[in-house]
Amino acid sequence: MATIGIPAALMYYRFLPIWRSLLEMNGHTIIVSQPPQGGFLDRRQMPGPPDLCLPVKLMLLHAGDLIGRCDFLFVPRLISVEKKTYNCPIFWEFPM
């Protein structure tokens, strides 16, 4: 089966047990991105345009860590996780 990379950012800490179980039950191998090394908060090292928020930039760093290490990148599209609330529209666009 495939090796699936999961970036350790955004909703990772809340939903990893569910995602890992689902993907492993279907025979896939799961790898998780490594924490960014020192100095990643330096603006010159952050990916994306300057107007992106820190959580989005961290997601890009974690996704970049998985390049070349997995067959597929698992980035779910989470519009809402609680009643009458919505995630930031930028988060909606990640999987697209």
N, C-alpha and C. Protein backbone atom coordinates (compact mmCIF):
# COMPACT_ATOMS: atom_id res chain seq x y z
N MET A 1 0.83 -1.18 0.00
CA MET A 1 0.00 0.00 0.00
C MET A 1 0.88 1.25 0.00
N ALA A 2 0.27 2.39 0.18
CA ALA A 2 0.96 3.68 0.07
C ALA A 2 1.46 4.17 1.43
N THR A 3 2.46 5.03 1.37
CA THR A 3 2.93 5.73 2.55
C THR A 3 2.24 7.10 2.56
N ILE A 4 1.52 7.37 3.63
CA ILE A 4 0.76 8.61 3.76
C ILE A 4 1.47 9.52 4.75
N GLY A 5 1.75 10.74 4.35
CA GLY A 5 2.38 11.73 5.22
C GLY A 5 1.32 12.63 5.84
N ILE A 6 1.40 12.82 7.15
CA ILE A 6 0.47 13.70 7.85
C ILE A 6 1.27 14.84 8.49
N PRO A 7 1.03 16.08 8.07
CA PRO A 7 1.71 17.22 8.69
C PRO A 7 1.23 17.40 10.14
N ALA A 8 2.15 17.59 11.06
CA ALA A 8 1.82 17.76 12.48
C ALA A 8 1.47 19.22 12.76
N ALA A 9 0.36 19.65 12.19
CA ALA A 9 -0.08 21.04 12.34
C ALA A 9 -1.60 21.11 12.25
N LEU A 10 -2.13 22.26 12.61
CA LEU A 10 -3.57 22.53 12.58
C LEU A 10 -4.33 21.52 13.42
N MET A 11 -5.20 20.72 12.84
CA MET A 11 -6.05 19.80 13.61
C MET A 11 -5.38 18.45 13.88
N TYR A 12 -4.09 18.35 13.59
CA TYR A 12 -3.34 17.12 13.79
C TYR A 12 -3.49 16.57 15.20
N TYR A 13 -3.28 17.41 16.19
CA TYR A 13 -3.27 16.94 17.58
C TYR A 13 -4.65 16.49 18.05
N ARG A 14 -5.68 17.01 17.45
CA ARG A 14 -7.04 16.64 17.84
C ARG A 14 -7.52 15.36 17.15
N PHE A 15 -7.15 15.19 15.88
CA PHE A 15 -7.72 14.11 15.09
C PHE A 15 -6.76 12.99 14.69
N LEU A 16 -5.48 13.07 15.03
CA LEU A 16 -4.53 12.04 14.59
C LEU A 16 -4.97 10.62 14.95
N PRO A 17 -5.45 10.34 16.16
CA PRO A 17 -5.83 8.95 16.46
C PRO A 17 -6.88 8.40 15.49
N ILE A 18 -7.85 9.20 15.12
CA ILE A 18 -8.89 8.76 14.17
C ILE A 18 -8.28 8.56 12.79
N TRP A 19 -7.52 9.55 12.31
CA TRP A 19 -6.93 9.45 10.98
C TRP A 19 -5.98 8.28 10.88
N ARG A 20 -5.12 8.11 11.90
CA ARG A 20 -4.15 7.01 11.87
C ARG A 20 -4.87 5.67 11.82
N SER A 21 -5.88 5.48 12.67
CA SER A 21 -6.62 4.22 12.69
C SER A 21 -7.25 3.93 11.34
N LEU A 22 -7.91 4.91 10.77
CA LEU A 22 -8.58 4.72 9.49
C LEU A 22 -7.60 4.34 8.38
N LEU A 23 -6.50 5.06 8.30
CA LEU A 23 -5.54 4.80 7.24
C LEU A 23 -4.79 3.49 7.44
N GLU A 24 -4.40 3.18 8.68
CA GLU A 24 -3.69 1.93 8.94
C GLU A 24 -4.59 0.71 8.77
N MET A 25 -5.88 0.84 9.10
CA MET A 25 -6.81 -0.28 8.88
C MET A 25 -6.94 -0.61 7.39
N ASN A 26 -6.68 0.38 6.55
CA ASN A 26 -6.74 0.16 5.11
C ASN A 26 -5.38 -0.21 4.52
N GLY A 27 -4.41 -0.52 5.38
CA GLY A 27 -3.12 -1.04 4.94
C GLY A 27 -2.05 -0.02 4.60
N HIS A 28 -2.28 1.23 4.90
CA HIS A 28 -1.29 2.27 4.58
C HIS A 28 -0.29 2.44 5.72
N THR A 29 0.89 2.90 5.37
CA THR A 29 1.91 3.26 6.35
C THR A 29 1.81 4.76 6.59
N ILE A 30 1.87 5.16 7.85
CA ILE A 30 1.73 6.57 8.22
C ILE A 30 3.07 7.12 8.69
N ILE A 31 3.43 8.29 8.18
CA ILE A 31 4.57 9.03 8.73
C ILE A 31 4.08 10.43 9.08
N VAL A 32 4.67 11.00 10.11
CA VAL A 32 4.29 12.32 10.59
C VAL A 32 5.50 13.24 10.43
N SER A 33 5.26 14.48 10.09
CA SER A 33 6.34 15.44 9.91
C SER A 33 7.09 15.67 11.22
N GLN A 34 8.35 16.06 11.08
CA GLN A 34 9.20 16.36 12.22
C GLN A 34 9.02 17.82 12.62
N PRO A 35 9.22 18.16 13.90
CA PRO A 35 9.12 19.57 14.30
C PRO A 35 10.16 20.41 13.57
N PRO A 36 9.80 21.63 13.18
CA PRO A 36 10.77 22.51 12.52
C PRO A 36 11.95 22.78 13.46
N GLN A 37 13.12 22.91 12.90
CA GLN A 37 14.32 23.16 13.70
C GLN A 37 14.42 24.65 14.03
N GLY A 38 15.28 24.97 14.98
CA GLY A 38 15.44 26.34 15.50
C GLY A 38 15.50 27.40 14.42
N GLY A 39 14.98 28.57 14.74
CA GLY A 39 15.04 29.70 13.83
C GLY A 39 13.88 29.77 12.86
N PHE A 40 12.92 28.84 12.95
CA PHE A 40 11.84 28.82 11.97
C PHE A 40 10.90 30.02 12.10
N LEU A 41 10.93 30.72 13.23
CA LEU A 41 10.07 31.89 13.37
C LEU A 41 10.67 33.14 12.74
N ASP A 42 11.91 33.03 12.31
CA ASP A 42 12.55 34.13 11.61
C ASP A 42 11.80 34.36 10.29
N ARG A 43 11.34 35.58 10.06
CA ARG A 43 10.52 35.86 8.87
C ARG A 43 11.19 35.42 7.57
N ARG A 44 12.49 35.45 7.52
CA ARG A 44 13.18 35.07 6.29
C ARG A 44 13.09 33.59 6.01
N GLN A 45 12.71 32.79 7.03
CA GLN A 45 12.64 31.35 6.84
C GLN A 45 11.20 30.84 6.77
N MET A 46 10.22 31.70 6.95
CA MET A 46 8.84 31.25 6.94
C MET A 46 8.31 31.21 5.51
N PRO A 47 7.61 30.14 5.14
CA PRO A 47 7.07 30.04 3.78
C PRO A 47 5.81 30.89 3.61
N GLY A 48 5.50 31.20 2.37
CA GLY A 48 4.26 31.91 2.06
C GLY A 48 4.39 33.41 2.19
N PRO A 49 3.34 34.11 1.74
CA PRO A 49 3.34 35.57 1.82
C PRO A 49 3.28 36.05 3.27
N PRO A 50 3.73 37.26 3.53
CA PRO A 50 3.80 37.76 4.91
C PRO A 50 2.45 37.91 5.60
N ASP A 51 1.35 38.00 4.86
CA ASP A 51 0.05 38.20 5.50
C ASP A 51 -0.60 36.90 5.98
N LEU A 52 0.03 35.75 5.76
CA LEU A 52 -0.51 34.48 6.27
C LEU A 52 -0.25 34.38 7.77
N CYS A 53 -1.20 33.79 8.49
CA CYS A 53 -1.05 33.64 9.94
C CYS A 53 -0.03 32.54 10.27
N LEU A 54 0.44 32.54 11.49
CA LEU A 54 1.44 31.57 11.93
C LEU A 54 0.97 30.11 11.79
N PRO A 55 -0.27 29.75 12.16
CA PRO A 55 -0.69 28.36 11.98
C PRO A 55 -0.61 27.88 10.53
N VAL A 56 -0.93 28.75 9.59
CA VAL A 56 -0.85 28.38 8.18
C VAL A 56 0.60 28.20 7.76
N LYS A 57 1.46 29.10 8.22
CA LYS A 57 2.88 28.98 7.88
C LYS A 57 3.49 27.71 8.48
N LEU A 58 3.07 27.36 9.70
CA LEU A 58 3.56 26.11 10.29
C LEU A 58 3.08 24.89 9.50
N MET A 59 1.85 24.94 9.00
CA MET A 59 1.35 23.86 8.17
C MET A 59 2.21 23.69 6.92
N LEU A 60 2.57 24.81 6.30
CA LEU A 60 3.42 24.76 5.11
C LEU A 60 4.80 24.18 5.44
N LEU A 61 5.36 24.56 6.60
CA LEU A 61 6.65 23.99 7.01
C LEU A 61 6.55 22.48 7.21
N HIS A 62 5.50 22.04 7.88
CA HIS A 62 5.34 20.60 8.14
C HIS A 62 5.08 19.83 6.85
N ALA A 63 4.30 20.40 5.95
CA ALA A 63 4.06 19.73 4.67
C ALA A 63 5.36 19.64 3.87
N GLY A 64 6.16 20.70 3.92
CA GLY A 64 7.45 20.69 3.23
C GLY A 64 8.39 19.64 3.76
N ASP A 65 8.32 19.35 5.06
CA ASP A 65 9.16 18.31 5.66
C ASP A 65 8.86 16.93 5.09
N LEU A 66 7.65 16.72 4.62
CA LEU A 66 7.23 15.41 4.12
C LEU A 66 7.53 15.19 2.64
N ILE A 67 7.96 16.24 1.95
CA ILE A 67 8.25 16.12 0.52
C ILE A 67 9.34 15.08 0.31
N GLY A 68 9.07 14.12 -0.56
CA GLY A 68 10.02 13.06 -0.88
C GLY A 68 10.03 11.91 0.11
N ARG A 69 9.27 12.00 1.19
CA ARG A 69 9.25 10.95 2.20
C ARG A 69 7.97 10.13 2.17
N CYS A 70 6.98 10.55 1.37
CA CYS A 70 5.70 9.84 1.35
C CYS A 70 5.14 9.84 -0.07
N ASP A 71 4.19 8.93 -0.29
CA ASP A 71 3.53 8.86 -1.59
C ASP A 71 2.41 9.89 -1.71
N PHE A 72 1.72 10.12 -0.60
CA PHE A 72 0.60 11.05 -0.56
C PHE A 72 0.66 11.89 0.70
N LEU A 73 0.14 13.09 0.61
CA LEU A 73 0.05 13.99 1.76
C LEU A 73 -1.41 14.05 2.20
N PHE A 74 -1.66 13.77 3.47
CA PHE A 74 -3.02 13.78 4.00
C PHE A 74 -3.30 15.13 4.64
N VAL A 75 -4.13 15.93 3.96
CA VAL A 75 -4.52 17.24 4.47
C VAL A 75 -6.04 17.34 4.31
N PRO A 76 -6.79 16.99 5.35
CA PRO A 76 -8.25 17.00 5.23
C PRO A 76 -8.81 18.42 5.16
N ARG A 77 -9.94 18.53 4.51
CA ARG A 77 -10.63 19.82 4.41
C ARG A 77 -11.64 19.92 5.54
N LEU A 78 -11.30 20.67 6.56
CA LEU A 78 -12.17 20.83 7.73
C LEU A 78 -12.80 22.21 7.72
N ILE A 79 -14.07 22.25 7.41
CA ILE A 79 -14.79 23.52 7.35
C ILE A 79 -15.28 23.91 8.74
N SER A 80 -15.80 22.94 9.48
CA SER A 80 -16.32 23.21 10.82
C SER A 80 -16.11 21.97 11.68
N VAL A 81 -15.76 22.17 12.93
CA VAL A 81 -15.60 21.03 13.85
C VAL A 81 -16.53 21.14 15.05
N GLU A 82 -17.28 22.21 15.14
CA GLU A 82 -18.25 22.41 16.21
C GLU A 82 -19.48 23.09 15.62
N LYS A 83 -20.63 22.90 16.26
CA LYS A 83 -21.85 23.52 15.78
C LYS A 83 -21.74 25.04 15.79
N LYS A 84 -22.24 25.65 14.73
CA LYS A 84 -22.33 27.10 14.58
C LYS A 84 -20.97 27.82 14.61
N THR A 85 -19.91 27.10 14.26
CA THR A 85 -18.59 27.72 14.13
C THR A 85 -17.97 27.26 12.81
N TYR A 86 -17.05 28.06 12.29
CA TYR A 86 -16.38 27.72 11.04
C TYR A 86 -14.90 28.01 11.18
N ASN A 87 -14.09 27.17 10.55
CA ASN A 87 -12.65 27.40 10.52
C ASN A 87 -12.35 28.54 9.55
N CYS A 88 -11.17 29.06 9.65
CA CYS A 88 -10.70 30.11 8.76
C CYS A 88 -10.78 29.62 7.30
N PRO A 89 -11.24 30.46 6.37
CA PRO A 89 -11.34 30.05 4.97
C PRO A 89 -10.02 29.62 4.36
N ILE A 90 -8.91 30.12 4.88
CA ILE A 90 -7.61 29.68 4.36
C ILE A 90 -7.42 28.20 4.63
N PHE A 91 -7.87 27.70 5.78
CA PHE A 91 -7.77 26.27 6.09
C PHE A 91 -8.61 25.45 5.12
N TRP A 92 -9.71 26.01 4.66
CA TRP A 92 -10.57 25.28 3.73
C TRP A 92 -9.86 25.00 2.41
N GLU A 93 -8.96 25.89 2.03
CA GLU A 93 -8.31 25.80 0.73
C GLU A 93 -7.09 24.88 0.68
N PHE A 94 -6.55 24.49 1.82
CA PHE A 94 -5.35 23.66 1.83
C PHE A 94 -5.45 22.43 0.94
N PRO A 95 -6.49 21.62 1.08
CA PRO A 95 -6.51 20.39 0.28
C PRO A 95 -6.75 20.60 -1.21
N MET A 96 -7.08 21.78 -1.63
CA MET A 96 -7.46 21.99 -3.02
C MET A 96 -6.30 22.22 -3.90
